[in-house]
Amino acid sequence: MPIAEAVSDALETPIEELPPLSRAIDLDALDAVMTHKRSDDVTVTFSYAGLRVLIHSTNTVYVRPLHRGDNHPL
């Protein structure tokens, strides 16, 4: 799963030690939103394991700390 892999890499923590992703976001709803229309430009942002996770409809996953000192939203 790209989300878990991205978070695991960012935290330098094995995927098995991360909390279940389903505690942070409804996975069925995420799948429905991201696969509804491939031509739509969709971005979903949520918090998971102390990180802000942004998923773009191109299947790109970005992770950042929840709080950054430079006041950027992501």
N, C-alpha and C. Protein backbone atom coordinates (compact mmCIF):
# COMPACT_ATOMS: atom_id res chain seq x y z
N MET A 1 0.86 -1.18 0.00
CA MET A 1 0.00 0.00 0.00
C MET A 1 0.90 1.23 0.00
N PRO A 2 0.75 2.11 -1.00
CA PRO A 2 1.62 3.29 -1.12
C PRO A 2 1.57 4.22 0.09
N ILE A 3 0.43 4.35 0.75
CA ILE A 3 0.33 5.26 1.90
C ILE A 3 1.19 4.73 3.04
N ALA A 4 1.01 3.48 3.38
CA ALA A 4 1.77 2.90 4.49
C ALA A 4 3.26 2.91 4.19
N GLU A 5 3.64 2.64 2.95
CA GLU A 5 5.05 2.66 2.57
C GLU A 5 5.63 4.06 2.71
N ALA A 6 4.91 5.07 2.26
CA ALA A 6 5.39 6.45 2.35
C ALA A 6 5.55 6.88 3.81
N VAL A 7 4.58 6.54 4.63
CA VAL A 7 4.65 6.90 6.05
C VAL A 7 5.77 6.11 6.74
N SER A 8 5.89 4.85 6.42
CA SER A 8 6.95 4.02 6.98
C SER A 8 8.32 4.60 6.64
N ASP A 9 8.51 4.99 5.40
CA ASP A 9 9.77 5.59 4.98
C ASP A 9 10.04 6.90 5.70
N ALA A 10 9.02 7.75 5.79
CA ALA A 10 9.19 9.06 6.42
C ALA A 10 9.54 8.93 7.90
N LEU A 11 8.93 7.96 8.57
CA LEU A 11 9.17 7.78 10.00
C LEU A 11 10.32 6.82 10.31
N GLU A 12 10.82 6.18 9.25
CA GLU A 12 11.85 5.15 9.42
C GLU A 12 11.39 4.10 10.42
N THR A 13 10.15 3.66 10.21
CA THR A 13 9.50 2.69 11.08
C THR A 13 8.94 1.57 10.21
N PRO A 14 9.10 0.32 10.60
CA PRO A 14 8.51 -0.77 9.82
C PRO A 14 6.99 -0.62 9.72
N ILE A 15 6.45 -0.97 8.58
CA ILE A 15 5.01 -0.86 8.34
C ILE A 15 4.23 -1.59 9.43
N GLU A 16 4.74 -2.72 9.87
CA GLU A 16 4.05 -3.53 10.88
C GLU A 16 3.89 -2.79 12.20
N GLU A 17 4.71 -1.79 12.46
CA GLU A 17 4.64 -1.05 13.71
C GLU A 17 3.75 0.20 13.62
N LEU A 18 3.24 0.50 12.44
CA LEU A 18 2.35 1.65 12.29
C LEU A 18 0.94 1.28 12.76
N PRO A 19 0.18 2.27 13.23
CA PRO A 19 -1.21 1.98 13.59
C PRO A 19 -2.01 1.64 12.33
N PRO A 20 -3.11 0.92 12.48
CA PRO A 20 -3.93 0.60 11.30
C PRO A 20 -4.37 1.88 10.59
N LEU A 21 -4.20 1.90 9.29
CA LEU A 21 -4.58 3.07 8.49
C LEU A 21 -6.07 3.36 8.63
N SER A 22 -6.86 2.32 8.84
CA SER A 22 -8.31 2.49 8.96
C SER A 22 -8.72 3.31 10.18
N ARG A 23 -7.80 3.51 11.12
CA ARG A 23 -8.10 4.38 12.26
C ARG A 23 -8.03 5.85 11.86
N ALA A 24 -7.35 6.14 10.76
CA ALA A 24 -7.17 7.53 10.33
C ALA A 24 -8.13 7.95 9.24
N ILE A 25 -8.55 6.99 8.41
CA ILE A 25 -9.40 7.33 7.27
C ILE A 25 -10.22 6.10 6.87
N ASP A 26 -11.42 6.35 6.36
CA ASP A 26 -12.28 5.28 5.86
C ASP A 26 -11.71 4.82 4.52
N LEU A 27 -11.14 3.64 4.48
CA LEU A 27 -10.45 3.17 3.28
C LEU A 27 -11.39 2.94 2.11
N ASP A 28 -12.61 2.49 2.37
CA ASP A 28 -13.58 2.31 1.29
C ASP A 28 -13.95 3.65 0.67
N ALA A 29 -14.16 4.65 1.51
CA ALA A 29 -14.49 5.99 1.01
C ALA A 29 -13.31 6.57 0.23
N LEU A 30 -12.11 6.38 0.73
CA LEU A 30 -10.92 6.87 0.03
C LEU A 30 -10.82 6.23 -1.35
N ASP A 31 -11.03 4.94 -1.41
CA ASP A 31 -10.98 4.24 -2.69
C ASP A 31 -12.05 4.76 -3.64
N ALA A 32 -13.25 4.98 -3.13
CA ALA A 32 -14.34 5.48 -3.97
C ALA A 32 -14.03 6.87 -4.52
N VAL A 33 -13.48 7.72 -3.69
CA VAL A 33 -13.16 9.09 -4.12
C VAL A 33 -12.03 9.08 -5.15
N MET A 34 -11.02 8.28 -4.88
CA MET A 34 -9.84 8.31 -5.75
C MET A 34 -10.05 7.58 -7.07
N THR A 35 -11.03 6.70 -7.16
CA THR A 35 -11.25 5.96 -8.40
C THR A 35 -12.53 6.36 -9.11
N HIS A 36 -13.24 7.37 -8.61
CA HIS A 36 -14.52 7.76 -9.18
C HIS A 36 -14.38 8.10 -10.66
N LYS A 37 -13.63 9.12 -10.99
CA LYS A 37 -13.38 9.51 -12.37
C LYS A 37 -11.90 9.82 -12.50
N ARG A 38 -11.23 9.08 -13.32
CA ARG A 38 -9.79 9.28 -13.47
C ARG A 38 -9.47 10.66 -14.05
N SER A 39 -10.42 11.29 -14.73
CA SER A 39 -10.16 12.61 -15.31
C SER A 39 -10.27 13.72 -14.28
N ASP A 40 -10.87 13.43 -13.12
CA ASP A 40 -11.00 14.44 -12.07
C ASP A 40 -9.66 14.65 -11.37
N ASP A 41 -9.40 15.90 -11.01
CA ASP A 41 -8.20 16.24 -10.24
C ASP A 41 -8.61 16.23 -8.77
N VAL A 42 -8.26 15.16 -8.06
CA VAL A 42 -8.71 14.97 -6.68
C VAL A 42 -7.50 14.91 -5.76
N THR A 43 -7.62 15.57 -4.61
CA THR A 43 -6.60 15.50 -3.57
C THR A 43 -7.30 15.25 -2.24
N VAL A 44 -6.78 14.30 -1.48
CA VAL A 44 -7.31 13.98 -0.15
C VAL A 44 -6.17 14.18 0.84
N THR A 45 -6.47 14.89 1.93
CA THR A 45 -5.49 15.13 2.97
C THR A 45 -6.05 14.66 4.31
N PHE A 46 -5.21 13.98 5.09
CA PHE A 46 -5.62 13.53 6.42
C PHE A 46 -4.38 13.35 7.29
N SER A 47 -4.61 13.21 8.57
CA SER A 47 -3.52 12.99 9.53
C SER A 47 -3.40 11.51 9.84
N TYR A 48 -2.15 11.04 9.92
CA TYR A 48 -1.91 9.63 10.22
C TYR A 48 -0.52 9.47 10.83
N ALA A 49 -0.45 8.85 11.97
CA ALA A 49 0.82 8.53 12.64
C ALA A 49 1.69 9.77 12.86
N GLY A 50 1.06 10.88 13.17
CA GLY A 50 1.80 12.10 13.44
C GLY A 50 2.24 12.85 12.20
N LEU A 51 1.72 12.45 11.06
CA LEU A 51 2.07 13.09 9.79
C LEU A 51 0.82 13.59 9.08
N ARG A 52 1.01 14.56 8.22
CA ARG A 52 -0.05 15.00 7.31
C ARG A 52 0.19 14.22 6.02
N VAL A 53 -0.83 13.52 5.56
CA VAL A 53 -0.74 12.71 4.35
C VAL A 53 -1.61 13.34 3.27
N LEU A 54 -1.03 13.56 2.10
CA LEU A 54 -1.77 14.11 0.97
C LEU A 54 -1.67 13.09 -0.16
N ILE A 55 -2.83 12.72 -0.68
CA ILE A 55 -2.87 11.77 -1.79
C ILE A 55 -3.51 12.48 -2.97
N HIS A 56 -2.85 12.44 -4.10
CA HIS A 56 -3.36 13.07 -5.31
C HIS A 56 -3.91 11.99 -6.23
N SER A 57 -4.85 12.35 -7.09
CA SER A 57 -5.49 11.38 -7.98
C SER A 57 -4.50 10.72 -8.94
N THR A 58 -3.30 11.23 -9.05
CA THR A 58 -2.27 10.60 -9.87
C THR A 58 -1.57 9.47 -9.11
N ASN A 59 -2.10 9.12 -7.93
CA ASN A 59 -1.52 8.11 -7.03
C ASN A 59 -0.20 8.55 -6.42
N THR A 60 0.01 9.85 -6.36
CA THR A 60 1.18 10.40 -5.69
C THR A 60 0.83 10.61 -4.23
N VAL A 61 1.72 10.18 -3.34
CA VAL A 61 1.51 10.32 -1.90
C VAL A 61 2.62 11.20 -1.34
N TYR A 62 2.22 12.24 -0.60
CA TYR A 62 3.16 13.13 0.07
C TYR A 62 2.93 13.01 1.57
N VAL A 63 3.99 13.02 2.34
CA VAL A 63 3.86 13.03 3.80
C VAL A 63 4.75 14.12 4.37
N ARG A 64 4.23 14.82 5.37
CA ARG A 64 4.95 15.89 6.05
C ARG A 64 4.59 15.85 7.53
N PRO A 65 5.44 16.39 8.38
CA PRO A 65 5.07 16.50 9.79
C PRO A 65 3.79 17.32 9.93
N LEU A 66 3.00 17.01 10.95
CA LEU A 66 1.76 17.76 11.17
C LEU A 66 2.02 19.24 11.40
N HIS A 67 3.09 19.55 12.08
CA HIS A 67 3.40 20.95 12.39
C HIS A 67 4.77 21.29 11.85
N ARG A 68 4.78 22.25 10.92
CA ARG A 68 6.05 22.72 10.36
C ARG A 68 6.29 24.14 10.85
N GLY A 69 7.51 24.47 11.08
CA GLY A 69 7.86 25.79 11.58
C GLY A 69 7.73 26.90 10.57
N ASP A 70 7.56 26.55 9.29
CA ASP A 70 7.52 27.58 8.26
C ASP A 70 6.10 27.99 7.86
N ASN A 71 5.10 27.51 8.57
CA ASN A 71 3.69 27.87 8.38
C ASN A 71 3.10 27.43 7.04
N HIS A 72 3.73 26.50 6.35
CA HIS A 72 3.12 25.95 5.14
C HIS A 72 2.06 24.95 5.55
N PRO A 73 0.92 24.89 4.82
CA PRO A 73 -0.15 23.97 5.21
C PRO A 73 0.22 22.51 5.05
N LEU A 74 1.20 22.20 4.21
CA LEU A 74 1.61 20.80 4.04
C LEU A 74 3.10 20.72 4.07
